[in-house]
PDB file of N, CA and C in Angstrom:
ATOM      1  N   MET A   1     128.495 108.606  95.094  1.00  0.00           N
ATOM      2  CA  MET A   1     127.990 107.389  95.696  1.00  0.00           C
ATOM      3  C   MET A   1     127.615 107.635  97.165  1.00  0.00           C
ATOM      4  N   LYS A   2     128.439 108.438  97.849  1.00  0.00           N
ATOM      5  CA  LYS A   2     128.172 108.754  99.240  1.00  0.00           C
ATOM      6  C   LYS A   2     126.837 109.492  99.379  1.00  0.00           C
ATOM      7  N   LYS A   3     126.570 110.372  98.429  1.00  0.00           N
ATOM      8  CA  LYS A   3     125.336 111.148  98.428  1.00  0.00           C
ATOM      9  C   LYS A   3     124.119 110.229  98.260  1.00  0.00           C
ATOM     10  N   LEU A   4     124.239 109.226  97.387  1.00  0.00           N
ATOM     11  CA  LEU A   4     123.152 108.272  97.160  1.00  0.00           C
ATOM     12  C   LEU A   4     122.839 107.496  98.429  1.00  0.00           C
ATOM     13  N   TYR A   5     123.862 107.037  99.117  1.00  0.00           N
ATOM     14  CA  TYR A   5     123.643 106.318 100.378  1.00  0.00           C
ATOM     15  C   TYR A   5     122.953 107.199 101.405  1.00  0.00           C
ATOM     16  N   SER A   6     123.357 108.459 101.466  1.00  0.00           N
ATOM     17  CA  SER A   6     122.725 109.396 102.403  1.00  0.00           C
ATOM     18  C   SER A   6     121.251 109.574 102.090  1.00  0.00           C
ATOM     19  N   ILE A   7     120.921 109.683 100.814  1.00  0.00           N
ATOM     20  CA  ILE A   7     119.521 109.834 100.407  1.00  0.00           C
ATOM     21  C   ILE A   7     118.733 108.582 100.768  1.00  0.00           C
ATOM     22  N   LEU A   8     119.286 107.414 100.496  1.00  0.00           N
ATOM     23  CA  LEU A   8     118.601 106.157 100.815  1.00  0.00           C
ATOM     24  C   LEU A   8     118.384 105.998 102.314  1.00  0.00           C
ATOM     25  N   ILE A   9     119.372 106.327 103.102  1.00  0.00           N
ATOM     26  CA  ILE A   9     119.246 106.228 104.558  1.00  0.00           C
ATOM     27  C   ILE A   9     118.185 107.196 105.061  1.00  0.00           C
ATOM     28  N   CYS A  10     118.187 108.422 104.570  1.00  0.00           N
ATOM     29  CA  CYS A  10     117.175 109.405 104.975  1.00  0.00           C
ATOM     30  C   CYS A  10     115.777 108.952 104.589  1.00  0.00           C
ATOM     31  N   THR A  11     115.630 108.389 103.406  1.00  0.00           N
ATOM     32  CA  THR A  11     114.324 107.889 102.955  1.00  0.00           C
ATOM     33  C   THR A  11     113.849 106.759 103.861  1.00  0.00           C
ATOM     34  N   PHE A  12     114.732 105.836 104.185  1.00  0.00           N
ATOM     35  CA  PHE A  12     114.381 104.710 105.051  1.00  0.00           C
ATOM     36  C   PHE A  12     113.966 105.208 106.432  1.00  0.00           C
ATOM     37  N   LEU A  13     114.728 106.123 106.997  1.00  0.00           N
ATOM     38  CA  LEU A  13     114.403 106.654 108.310  1.00  0.00           C
ATOM     39  C   LEU A  13     113.086 107.413 108.291  1.00  0.00           C
ATOM     40  N   THR A  14     112.825 108.152 107.235  1.00  0.00           N
ATOM     41  CA  THR A  14     111.566 108.882 107.107  1.00  0.00           C
ATOM     42  C   THR A  14     110.388 107.928 107.074  1.00  0.00           C
ATOM     43  N   LEU A  15     110.486 106.862 106.289  1.00  0.00           N
ATOM     44  CA  LEU A  15     109.401 105.875 106.220  1.00  0.00           C
ATOM     45  C   LEU A  15     109.158 105.236 107.574  1.00  0.00           C
ATOM     46  N   ASN A  16     110.205 104.889 108.271  1.00  0.00           N
ATOM     47  CA  ASN A  16     110.051 104.258 109.574  1.00  0.00           C
ATOM     48  C   ASN A  16     109.459 105.208 110.597  1.00  0.00           C
ATOM     49  N   CYS A  17     109.819 106.469 110.538  1.00  0.00           N
ATOM     50  CA  CYS A  17     109.313 107.435 111.503  1.00  0.00           C
ATOM     51  C   CYS A  17     107.847 107.757 111.279  1.00  0.00           C
ATOM     52  N   PHE A  18     107.413 107.770 110.020  1.00  0.00           N
ATOM     53  CA  PHE A  18     106.051 108.191 109.721  1.00  0.00           C
ATOM     54  C   PHE A  18     105.080 107.055 109.465  1.00  0.00           C
ATOM     55  N   ALA A  19     105.519 105.821 109.559  1.00  0.00           N
ATOM     56  CA  ALA A  19     104.608 104.697 109.387  1.00  0.00           C
ATOM     57  C   ALA A  19     103.862 104.460 110.701  1.00  0.00           C
ATOM     58  N   THR A  20     102.554 104.305 110.610  1.00  0.00           N
ATOM     59  CA  THR A  20     101.707 104.069 111.770  1.00  0.00           C
ATOM     60  C   THR A  20     101.677 102.579 112.082  1.00  0.00           C
ATOM     61  N   ASP A  21     101.605 102.243 113.365  1.00  0.00           N
ATOM     62  CA  ASP A  21     101.458 100.843 113.749  1.00  0.00           C
ATOM     63  C   ASP A  21     100.047 100.381 113.402  1.00  0.00           C
ATOM     64  N   VAL A  22      99.943  99.404 112.524  1.00  0.00           N
ATOM     65  CA  VAL A  22      98.652  98.945 112.032  1.00  0.00           C
ATOM     66  C   VAL A  22      97.825  98.259 113.117  1.00  0.00           C
ATOM     67  N   GLU A  23      98.488  97.634 114.075  1.00  0.00           N
ATOM     68  CA  GLU A  23      97.776  96.884 115.111  1.00  0.00           C
ATOM     69  C   GLU A  23      96.812  97.750 115.912  1.00  0.00           C
ATOM     70  N   ASN A  24      97.058  99.059 115.951  1.00  0.00           N
ATOM     71  CA  ASN A  24      96.196  99.973 116.698  1.00  0.00           C
ATOM     72  C   ASN A  24      94.954 100.394 115.924  1.00  0.00           C
ATOM     73  N   MET A  25      94.893 100.031 114.628  1.00  0.00           N
ATOM     74  CA  MET A  25      93.794 100.511 113.802  1.00  0.00           C
ATOM     75  C   MET A  25      93.016  99.428 113.057  1.00  0.00           C
ATOM     76  N   PHE A  26      93.681  98.360 112.636  1.00  0.00           N
ATOM     77  CA  PHE A  26      93.041  97.390 111.755  1.00  0.00           C
ATOM     78  C   PHE A  26      93.451  95.951 112.076  1.00  0.00           C
ATOM     79  N   ASN A  27      92.547  95.023 111.789  1.00  0.00           N
ATOM     80  CA  ASN A  27      92.928  93.631 111.626  1.00  0.00           C
ATOM     81  C   ASN A  27      93.374  93.520 110.178  1.00  0.00           C
ATOM     82  N   VAL A  28      94.462  92.799 109.930  1.00  0.00           N
ATOM     83  CA  VAL A  28      95.031  92.772 108.585  1.00  0.00           C
ATOM     84  C   VAL A  28      95.409  91.372 108.136  1.00  0.00           C
ATOM     85  N   SER A  29      95.590  91.267 106.836  1.00  0.00           N
ATOM     86  CA  SER A  29      96.200  90.105 106.200  1.00  0.00           C
ATOM     87  C   SER A  29      97.414  90.671 105.477  1.00  0.00           C
ATOM     88  N   TRP A  30      98.528  89.958 105.441  1.00  0.00           N
ATOM     89  CA  TRP A  30      99.720  90.523 104.840  1.00  0.00           C
ATOM     90  C   TRP A  30     100.443  89.537 103.942  1.00  0.00           C
ATOM     91  N   ASN A  31     101.205  90.100 103.018  1.00  0.00           N
ATOM     92  CA  ASN A  31     102.048  89.337 102.108  1.00  0.00           C
ATOM     93  C   ASN A  31     103.468  89.816 102.359  1.00  0.00           C
ATOM     94  N   SER A  32     104.257  89.025 103.092  1.00  0.00           N
ATOM     95  CA  SER A  32     105.598  89.478 103.453  1.00  0.00           C
ATOM     96  C   SER A  32     106.556  89.501 102.272  1.00  0.00           C
ATOM     97  N   LYS A  33     106.300  88.696 101.250  1.00  0.00           N
ATOM     98  CA  LYS A  33     107.176  88.698 100.073  1.00  0.00           C
ATOM     99  C   LYS A  33     107.121  90.056  99.366  1.00  0.00           C
ATOM    100  N   TYR A  34     105.910  90.587  99.183  1.00  0.00           N
ATOM    101  CA  TYR A  34     105.738  91.853  98.479  1.00  0.00           C
ATOM    102  C   TYR A  34     105.542  93.036  99.428  1.00  0.00           C
ATOM    103  N   LYS A  35     105.550  92.757 100.727  1.00  0.00           N
ATOM    104  CA  LYS A  35     105.349  93.790 101.751  1.00  0.00           C
ATOM    105  C   LYS A  35     104.058  94.570 101.520  1.00  0.00           C
ATOM    106  N   GLU A  36     102.966  93.822 101.333  1.00  0.00           N
ATOM    107  CA  GLU A  36     101.648  94.414 101.102  1.00  0.00           C
ATOM    108  C   GLU A  36     100.682  94.005 102.210  1.00  0.00           C
ATOM    109  N   LEU A  37      99.778  94.919 102.547  1.00  0.00           N
ATOM    110  CA  LEU A  37      98.752  94.673 103.549  1.00  0.00           C
ATOM    111  C   LEU A  37      97.364  94.764 102.936  1.00  0.00           C
ATOM    112  N   GLN A  38      96.474  93.916 103.426  1.00  0.00           N
ATOM    113  CA  GLN A  38      95.058  94.025 103.111  1.00  0.00           C
ATOM    114  C   GLN A  38      94.364  94.382 104.415  1.00  0.00           C
ATOM    115  N   LEU A  39      93.608  95.479 104.406  1.00  0.00           N
ATOM    116  CA  LEU A  39      92.853  95.883 105.580  1.00  0.00           C
ATOM    117  C   LEU A  39      91.602  95.035 105.668  1.00  0.00           C
ATOM    118  N   LEU A  40      91.389  94.354 106.805  1.00  0.00           N
ATOM    119  CA  LEU A  40      90.252  93.455 106.962  1.00  0.00           C
ATOM    120  C   LEU A  40      89.113  94.063 107.769  1.00  0.00           C
ATOM    121  N   GLU A  41      89.464  94.753 108.856  1.00  0.00           N
ATOM    122  CA  GLU A  41      88.432  95.301 109.728  1.00  0.00           C
ATOM    123  C   GLU A  41      89.014  96.480 110.502  1.00  0.00           C
ATOM    124  N   TYR A  42      88.251  97.560 110.566  1.00  0.00           N
ATOM    125  CA  TYR A  42      88.688  98.717 111.346  1.00  0.00           C
ATOM    126  C   TYR A  42      88.435  98.437 112.815  1.00  0.00           C
ATOM    127  N   THR A  43      89.476  98.528 113.628  1.00  0.00           N
ATOM    128  CA  THR A  43      89.367  98.272 115.064  1.00  0.00           C
ATOM    129  C   THR A  43      89.833  99.479 115.874  1.00  0.00           C
ATOM    130  N   GLY A  44      90.020 100.594 115.198  1.00  0.00           N
ATOM    131  CA  GLY A  44      90.554 101.788 115.852  1.00  0.00           C
ATOM    132  C   GLY A  44      89.523 102.549 116.664  1.00  0.00           C
ATOM    133  N   ASP A  45      89.885 103.732 117.031  1.00  0.00           N
ATOM    134  CA  ASP A  45      89.091 104.626 117.854  1.00  0.00           C
ATOM    135  C   ASP A  45      87.753 104.941 117.180  1.00  0.00           C
ATOM    136  N   GLN A  46      86.664 104.592 117.837  1.00  0.00           N
ATOM    137  CA  GLN A  46      85.344 104.799 117.240  1.00  0.00           C
ATOM    138  C   GLN A  46      84.808 106.212 117.441  1.00  0.00           C
ATOM    139  N   SER A  47      85.593 107.067 118.061  1.00  0.00           N
ATOM    140  CA  SER A  47      85.189 108.473 118.143  1.00  0.00           C
ATOM    141  C   SER A  47      85.737 109.266 116.953  1.00  0.00           C
ATOM    142  N   VAL A  48      86.564 108.614 116.132  1.00  0.00           N
ATOM    143  CA  VAL A  48      87.127 109.261 114.942  1.00  0.00           C
ATOM    144  C   VAL A  48      86.039 109.420 113.896  1.00  0.00           C
ATOM    145  N   LYS A  49      85.834 110.639 113.429  1.00  0.00           N
ATOM    146  CA  LYS A  49      84.816 110.891 112.414  1.00  0.00           C
ATOM    147  C   LYS A  49      85.426 110.978 111.023  1.00  0.00           C
ATOM    148  N   ASN A  50      86.648 111.490 110.941  1.00  0.00           N
ATOM    149  CA  ASN A  50      87.332 111.669 109.661  1.00  0.00           C
ATOM    150  C   ASN A  50      88.589 110.813 109.663  1.00  0.00           C
ATOM    151  N   LEU A  51      88.619 109.826 108.802  1.00  0.00           N
ATOM    152  CA  LEU A  51      89.715 108.863 108.780  1.00  0.00           C
ATOM    153  C   LEU A  51      90.532 109.011 107.506  1.00  0.00           C
ATOM    154  N   ASP A  52      91.795 109.350 107.660  1.00  0.00           N
ATOM    155  CA  ASP A  52      92.727 109.469 106.544  1.00  0.00           C
ATOM    156  C   ASP A  52      93.715 108.312 106.683  1.00  0.00           C
ATOM    157  N   ILE A  53      93.548 107.292 105.861  1.00  0.00           N
ATOM    158  CA  ILE A  53      94.347 106.075 105.991  1.00  0.00           C
ATOM    159  C   ILE A  53      95.705 106.272 105.322  1.00  0.00           C
ATOM    160  N   PRO A  54      96.777 106.021 106.060  1.00  0.00           N
ATOM    161  CA  PRO A  54      98.105 106.166 105.454  1.00  0.00           C
ATOM    162  C   PRO A  54      98.386 105.054 104.443  1.00  0.00           C
ATOM    163  N   GLY A  55      99.290 105.306 103.521  1.00  0.00           N
ATOM    164  CA  GLY A  55      99.654 104.318 102.504  1.00  0.00           C
ATOM    165  C   GLY A  55     100.584 103.235 103.016  1.00  0.00           C
ATOM    166  N   ASN A  56     101.264 103.510 104.133  1.00  0.00           N
ATOM    167  CA  ASN A  56     102.183 102.544 104.726  1.00  0.00           C
ATOM    168  C   ASN A  56     101.887 102.367 106.199  1.00  0.00           C
ATOM    169  N   PHE A  57     102.016 101.134 106.665  1.00  0.00           N
ATOM    170  CA  PHE A  57     101.863 100.823 108.076  1.00  0.00           C
ATOM    171  C   PHE A  57     103.063 100.023 108.544  1.00  0.00           C
ATOM    172  N   ARG A  58     103.382 100.169 109.814  1.00  0.00           N
ATOM    173  CA  ARG A  58     104.388  99.323 110.436  1.00  0.00           C
ATOM    174  C   ARG A  58     103.666  98.101 110.995  1.00  0.00           C
ATOM    175  N   PHE A  59     104.169  96.916 110.660  1.00  0.00           N
ATOM    176  CA  PHE A  59     103.571  95.672 111.137  1.00  0.00           C
ATOM    177  C   PHE A  59     104.694  94.680 111.402  1.00  0.00           C
ATOM    178  N   ALA A  60     104.743  94.139 112.590  1.00  0.00           N
ATOM    179  CA  ALA A  60     105.765  93.174 112.986  1.00  0.00           C
ATOM    180  C   ALA A  60     107.177  93.715 112.715  1.00  0.00           C
ATOM    181  N   GLY A  61     107.353  95.012 112.962  1.00  0.00           N
ATOM    182  CA  GLY A  61     108.664  95.628 112.825  1.00  0.00           C
ATOM    183  C   GLY A  61     109.080  95.980 111.405  1.00  0.00           C
ATOM    184  N   LYS A  62     108.190  95.784 110.435  1.00  0.00           N
ATOM    185  CA  LYS A  62     108.515  96.091 109.043  1.00  0.00           C
ATOM    186  C   LYS A  62     107.471  97.043 108.472  1.00  0.00           C
ATOM    187  N   ILE A  63     107.835  97.725 107.390  1.00  0.00           N
ATOM    188  CA  ILE A  63     106.918  98.651 106.725  1.00  0.00           C
ATOM    189  C   ILE A  63     106.214  97.923 105.586  1.00  0.00           C
ATOM    190  N   TYR A  64     104.872  98.006 105.570  1.00  0.00           N
ATOM    191  CA  TYR A  64     104.054  97.387 104.531  1.00  0.00           C
ATOM    192  C   TYR A  64     103.207  98.438 103.837  1.00  0.00           C
ATOM    193  N   ARG A  65     102.970  98.253 102.564  1.00  0.00           N
ATOM    194  CA  ARG A  65     102.137  99.143 101.746  1.00  0.00           C
ATOM    195  C   ARG A  65     100.695  98.611 101.761  1.00  0.00           C
ATOM    196  N   VAL A  66      99.737  99.489 101.940  1.00  0.00           N
ATOM    197  CA  VAL A  66      98.321  99.116 101.917  1.00  0.00           C
ATOM    198  C   VAL A  66      97.874  99.028 100.461  1.00  0.00           C
ATOM    199  N   THR A  67      97.435  97.838 100.022  1.00  0.00           N
ATOM    200  CA  THR A  67      97.034  97.665  98.623  1.00  0.00           C
ATOM    201  C   THR A  67      95.574  97.247  98.465  1.00  0.00           C
ATOM    202  N   ASP A  68      94.975  96.675  99.506  1.00  0.00           N
ATOM    203  CA  ASP A  68      93.606  96.168  99.396  1.00  0.00           C
ATOM    204  C   ASP A  68      92.780  96.547 100.621  1.00  0.00           C
ATOM    205  N   VAL A  69      91.503  96.799 100.391  1.00  0.00           N
ATOM    206  CA  VAL A  69      90.536  96.978 101.465  1.00  0.00           C
ATOM    207  C   VAL A  69      89.515  95.858 101.282  1.00  0.00           C
ATOM    208  N   ALA A  70      89.441  94.955 102.246  1.00  0.00           N
ATOM    209  CA  ALA A  70      88.622  93.746 102.132  1.00  0.00           C
ATOM    210  C   ALA A  70      87.127  94.035 102.260  1.00  0.00           C
ATOM    211  N   ASP A  71      86.315  93.043 101.921  1.00  0.00           N
ATOM    212  CA  ASP A  71      84.861  93.122 102.045  1.00  0.00           C
ATOM    213  C   ASP A  71      84.461  93.608 103.440  1.00  0.00           C
ATOM    214  N   MET A  72      83.562  94.564 103.483  1.00  0.00           N
ATOM    215  CA  MET A  72      82.911  95.037 104.698  1.00  0.00           C
ATOM    216  C   MET A  72      83.855  95.606 105.768  1.00  0.00           C
ATOM    217  N   THR A  73      85.011  96.101 105.373  1.00  0.00           N
ATOM    218  CA  THR A  73      86.002  96.624 106.331  1.00  0.00           C
ATOM    219  C   THR A  73      85.425  97.700 107.255  1.00  0.00           C
ATOM    220  N   PHE A  74      84.636  98.611 106.721  1.00  0.00           N
ATOM    221  CA  PHE A  74      84.066  99.696 107.525  1.00  0.00           C
ATOM    222  C   PHE A  74      82.562  99.542 107.727  1.00  0.00           C
ATOM    223  N   SER A  75      82.014  98.424 107.359  1.00  0.00           N
ATOM    224  CA  SER A  75      80.579  98.183 107.457  1.00  0.00           C
ATOM    225  C   SER A  75      80.057  98.473 108.867  1.00  0.00           C
ATOM    226  N   ARG A  76      78.945  99.194 108.917  1.00  0.00           N
ATOM    227  CA  ARG A  76      78.270  99.563 110.170  1.00  0.00           C
ATOM    228  C   ARG A  76      79.085 100.498 111.060  1.00  0.00           C
ATOM    229  N   SER A  77      80.013 101.226 110.477  1.00  0.00           N
ATOM    230  CA  SER A  77      80.796 102.217 111.229  1.00  0.00           C
ATOM    231  C   SER A  77      80.037 103.535 111.195  1.00  0.00           C
ATOM    232  N   SER A  78      78.977 103.611 111.968  1.00  0.00           N
ATOM    233  CA  SER A  78      78.059 104.748 111.908  1.00  0.00           C
ATOM    234  C   SER A  78      78.688 106.067 112.359  1.00  0.00           C
ATOM    235  N   TYR A  79      79.801 106.032 113.042  1.00  0.00           N
ATOM    236  CA  TYR A  79      80.469 107.243 113.519  1.00  0.00           C
ATOM    237  C   TYR A  79      81.284 107.935 112.418  1.00  0.00           C
ATOM    238  N   LEU A  80      81.641 107.213 111.358  1.00  0.00           N
ATOM    239  CA  LEU A  80      82.475 107.794 110.298  1.00  0.00           C
ATOM    240  C   LEU A  80      81.702 108.788 109.445  1.00  0.00           C
ATOM    241  N   GLU A  81      82.327 109.948 109.191  1.00  0.00           N
ATOM    242  CA  GLU A  81      81.751 110.956 108.305  1.00  0.00           C
ATOM    243  C   GLU A  81      82.532 111.069 107.007  1.00  0.00           C
ATOM    244  N   SER A  82      83.847 110.826 107.066  1.00  0.00           N
ATOM    245  CA  SER A  82      84.643 110.859 105.841  1.00  0.00           C
ATOM    246  C   SER A  82      85.820 109.883 105.953  1.00  0.00           C
ATOM    247  N   VAL A  83      86.184 109.315 104.796  1.00  0.00           N
ATOM    248  CA  VAL A  83      87.309 108.385 104.718  1.00  0.00           C
ATOM    249  C   VAL A  83      88.114 108.743 103.473  1.00  0.00           C
ATOM    250  N   THR A  84      89.426 108.798 103.634  1.00  0.00           N
ATOM    251  CA  THR A  84      90.328 109.006 102.511  1.00  0.00           C
ATOM    252  C   THR A  84      91.239 107.798 102.404  1.00  0.00           C
ATOM    253  N   LEU A  85      91.190 107.139 101.247  1.00  0.00           N
ATOM    254  CA  LEU A  85      92.041 105.980 101.006  1.00  0.00           C
ATOM    255  C   LEU A  85      93.329 106.427 100.317  1.00  0.00           C
ATOM    256  N   PRO A  86      94.457 105.804 100.636  1.00  0.00           N
ATOM    257  CA  PRO A  86      95.731 106.218 100.051  1.00  0.00           C
ATOM    258  C   PRO A  86      95.877 105.794  98.588  1.00  0.00           C
ATOM    259  N   SER A  87      96.798 106.420  97.903  1.00  0.00           N
ATOM    260  CA  SER A  87      97.038 106.125  96.484  1.00  0.00           C
ATOM    261  C   SER A  87      97.648 104.746  96.261  1.00  0.00           C
ATOM    262  N   THR A  88      98.010 104.058  97.320  1.00  0.00           N
ATOM    263  CA  THR A  88      98.585 102.713  97.200  1.00  0.00           C
ATOM    264  C   THR A  88      97.512 101.632  97.030  1.00  0.00           C
ATOM    265  N   VAL A  89      96.251 101.964  97.319  1.00  0.00           N
ATOM    266  CA  VAL A  89      95.157 100.982  97.254  1.00  0.00           C
ATOM    267  C   VAL A  89      94.785 100.683  95.806  1.00  0.00           C
ATOM    268  N   LYS A  90      94.727  99.382  95.480  1.00  0.00           N
ATOM    269  CA  LYS A  90      94.382  98.924  94.134  1.00  0.00           C
ATOM    270  C   LYS A  90      92.997  98.271  94.082  1.00  0.00           C
ATOM    271  N   LYS A  91      92.574  97.667  95.205  1.00  0.00           N
ATOM    272  CA  LYS A  91      91.307  96.928  95.228  1.00  0.00           C
ATOM    273  C   LYS A  91      90.492  97.286  96.460  1.00  0.00           C
ATOM    274  N   ILE A  92      89.177  97.418  96.229  1.00  0.00           N
ATOM    275  CA  ILE A  92      88.226  97.621  97.313  1.00  0.00           C
ATOM    276  C   ILE A  92      87.177  96.534  97.180  1.00  0.00           C
ATOM    277  N   GLY A  93      86.915  95.850  98.265  1.00  0.00           N
ATOM    278  CA  GLY A  93      85.997  94.722  98.247  1.00  0.00           C
ATOM    279  C   GLY A  93      84.521  95.095  98.273  1.00  0.00           C
ATOM    280  N   TYR A  94      83.719  94.080  98.429  1.00  0.00           N
ATOM    281  CA  TYR A  94      82.258  94.140  98.467  1.00  0.00           C
ATOM    282  C   TYR A  94      81.789  94.873  99.727  1.00  0.00           C
ATOM    283  N   SER A  95      80.842  95.770  99.581  1.00  0.00           N
ATOM    284  CA  SER A  95      80.113  96.373 100.687  1.00  0.00           C
ATOM    285  C   SER A  95      81.011  97.014 101.763  1.00  0.00           C
ATOM    286  N   VAL A  96      82.115  97.589 101.353  1.00  0.00           N
ATOM    287  CA  VAL A  96      83.103  98.135 102.289  1.00  0.00           C
ATOM    288  C   VAL A  96      82.515  99.196 103.219  1.00  0.00           C
ATOM    289  N   PHE A  97      81.652 100.057 102.704  1.00  0.00           N
ATOM    290  CA  PHE A  97      81.081 101.139 103.516  1.00  0.00           C
ATOM    291  C   PHE A  97      79.588 100.925 103.794  1.00  0.00           C
ATOM    292  N   SER A  98      79.095  99.715 103.690  1.00  0.00           N
ATOM    293  CA  SER A  98      77.654  99.482 103.881  1.00  0.00           C
ATOM    294  C   SER A  98      77.202  99.872 105.285  1.00  0.00           C
ATOM    295  N   ASP A  99      76.030 100.449 105.338  1.00  0.00           N
ATOM    296  CA  ASP A  99      75.391 100.862 106.585  1.00  0.00           C
ATOM    297  C   ASP A  99      76.208 101.866 107.405  1.00  0.00           C
ATOM    298  N   CYS A 100      76.989 102.681 106.738  1.00  0.00           N
ATOM    299  CA  CYS A 100      77.696 103.792 107.393  1.00  0.00           C
ATOM    300  C   CYS A 100      76.768 105.003 107.291  1.00  0.00           C
ATOM    301  N   LYS A 101      75.843 105.105 108.193  1.00  0.00           N
ATOM    302  CA  LYS A 101      74.730 106.061 108.117  1.00  0.00           C
ATOM    303  C   LYS A 101      75.150 107.527 108.095  1.00  0.00           C
ATOM    304  N   ASN A 102      76.292 107.878 108.679  1.00  0.00           N
ATOM    305  CA  ASN A 102      76.719 109.280 108.736  1.00  0.00           C
ATOM    306  C   ASN A 102      77.801 109.624 107.724  1.00  0.00           C
ATOM    307  N   LEU A 103      78.120 108.697 106.856  1.00  0.00           N
ATOM    308  CA  LEU A 103      79.181 108.919 105.877  1.00  0.00           C
ATOM    309  C   LEU A 103      78.755 109.962 104.839  1.00  0.00           C
ATOM    310  N   LYS A 104      79.573 111.000 104.705  1.00  0.00           N
ATOM    311  CA  LYS A 104      79.269 112.083 103.770  1.00  0.00           C
ATOM    312  C   LYS A 104      80.262 112.144 102.622  1.00  0.00           C
ATOM    313  N   SER A 105      81.500 111.653 102.851  1.00  0.00           N
ATOM    314  CA  SER A 105      82.546 111.808 101.853  1.00  0.00           C
ATOM    315  C   SER A 105      83.520 110.630 101.903  1.00  0.00           C
ATOM    316  N   VAL A 106      83.855 110.111 100.714  1.00  0.00           N
ATOM    317  CA  VAL A 106      84.893 109.093 100.579  1.00  0.00           C
ATOM    318  C   VAL A 106      85.780 109.515  99.418  1.00  0.00           C
ATOM    319  N   THR A 107      87.075 109.600  99.680  1.00  0.00           N
ATOM    320  CA  THR A 107      88.033 109.941  98.632  1.00  0.00           C
ATOM    321  C   THR A 107      88.713 108.665  98.188  1.00  0.00           C
ATOM    322  N   LEU A 108      88.470 108.313  96.915  1.00  0.00           N
ATOM    323  CA  LEU A 108      89.045 107.097  96.343  1.00  0.00           C
ATOM    324  C   LEU A 108      90.238 107.464  95.467  1.00  0.00           C
ATOM    325  N   PRO A 109      91.295 106.664  95.509  1.00  0.00           N
ATOM    326  CA  PRO A 109      92.480 106.974  94.701  1.00  0.00           C
ATOM    327  C   PRO A 109      92.304 106.591  93.237  1.00  0.00           C
ATOM    328  N   ASN A 110      93.048 107.232  92.364  1.00  0.00           N
ATOM    329  CA  ASN A 110      93.055 106.894  90.937  1.00  0.00           C
ATOM    330  C   ASN A 110      93.676 105.539  90.670  1.00  0.00           C
ATOM    331  N   SER A 111      94.380 104.997  91.641  1.00  0.00           N
ATOM    332  CA  SER A 111      95.090 103.725  91.480  1.00  0.00           C
ATOM    333  C   SER A 111      94.168 102.507  91.498  1.00  0.00           C
ATOM    334  N   LEU A 112      92.876 102.706  91.796  1.00  0.00           N
ATOM    335  CA  LEU A 112      91.948 101.576  91.894  1.00  0.00           C
ATOM    336  C   LEU A 112      91.782 100.849  90.558  1.00  0.00           C
ATOM    337  N   SER A 113      91.901  99.531  90.611  1.00  0.00           N
ATOM    338  CA  SER A 113      91.660  98.721  89.415  1.00  0.00           C
ATOM    339  C   SER A 113      90.455  97.811  89.619  1.00  0.00           C
ATOM    340  N   GLU A 114      89.987  97.710  90.870  1.00  0.00           N
ATOM    341  CA  GLU A 114      88.855  96.824  91.168  1.00  0.00           C
ATOM    342  C   GLU A 114      88.040  97.394  92.329  1.00  0.00           C
ATOM    343  N   ILE A 115      86.727  97.526  92.111  1.00  0.00           N
ATOM    344  CA  ILE A 115      85.809  98.012  93.139  1.00  0.00           C
ATOM    345  C   ILE A 115      84.672  97.012  93.265  1.00  0.00           C
ATOM    346  N   GLY A 116      84.455  96.529  94.473  1.00  0.00           N
ATOM    347  CA  GLY A 116      83.392  95.564  94.722  1.00  0.00           C
ATOM    348  C   GLY A 116      82.010  96.191  94.631  1.00  0.00           C
ATOM    349  N   SER A 117      81.010  95.359  94.512  1.00  0.00           N
ATOM    350  CA  SER A 117      79.626  95.834  94.403  1.00  0.00           C
ATOM    351  C   SER A 117      79.103  96.300  95.759  1.00  0.00           C
ATOM    352  N   GLU A 118      78.000  97.022  95.716  1.00  0.00           N
ATOM    353  CA  GLU A 118      77.291  97.516  96.892  1.00  0.00           C
ATOM    354  C   GLU A 118      78.199  98.251  97.878  1.00  0.00           C
ATOM    355  N   LEU A 119      79.100  99.028  97.331  1.00  0.00           N
ATOM    356  CA  LEU A 119      80.093  99.758  98.129  1.00  0.00           C
ATOM    357  C   LEU A 119      79.448 100.623  99.209  1.00  0.00           C
ATOM    358  N   PHE A 120      78.341 101.286  98.869  1.00  0.00           N
ATOM    359  CA  PHE A 120      77.687 102.201  99.793  1.00  0.00           C
ATOM    360  C   PHE A 120      76.260 101.754 100.165  1.00  0.00           C
ATOM    361  N   SER A 121      76.009 100.487 100.125  1.00  0.00           N
ATOM    362  CA  SER A 121      74.680  99.932 100.421  1.00  0.00           C
ATOM    363  C   SER A 121      74.207 100.360 101.818  1.00  0.00           C
ATOM    364  N   GLY A 122      73.017 100.910 101.888  1.00  0.00           N
ATOM    365  CA  GLY A 122      72.426 101.269 103.169  1.00  0.00           C
ATOM    366  C   GLY A 122      72.995 102.523 103.806  1.00  0.00           C
ATOM    367  N   CYS A 123      73.687 103.339 103.052  1.00  0.00           N
ATOM    368  CA  CYS A 123      74.293 104.549 103.627  1.00  0.00           C
ATOM    369  C   CYS A 123      73.340 105.720 103.719  1.00  0.00           C
ATOM    370  N   ILE A 124      72.273 105.716 102.952  1.00  0.00           N
ATOM    371  CA  ILE A 124      71.376 106.874 102.927  1.00  0.00           C
ATOM    372  C   ILE A 124      70.214 106.668 103.869  1.00  0.00           C
TER     373      ILE A 124
END
């Protein structure tokens, strides 16, 4: 039993140490009951060309799992060249990457159950 508690404590500390503060990167909507986040708009560093989105973010002192990417989250982000979405994402909204003129690569997780239309509209 002591070993189980040690494992749980280590897991909790690891999650807290490696979770990124979401406020520095995205406007979000959240569900505190299920500890889930929906990414609404990228507000992070616009000099970033390759964006690897973590599956968990720290928000209001708690850890939340990223499950949704809302409509037009990265729309007109012409500086982006590649985006990797985490395996926690289940839904991607309408026109998420529209008008991302320099986008060359997007890695989508197998966990997706819903993808909005016109995902890459105006990218070419």
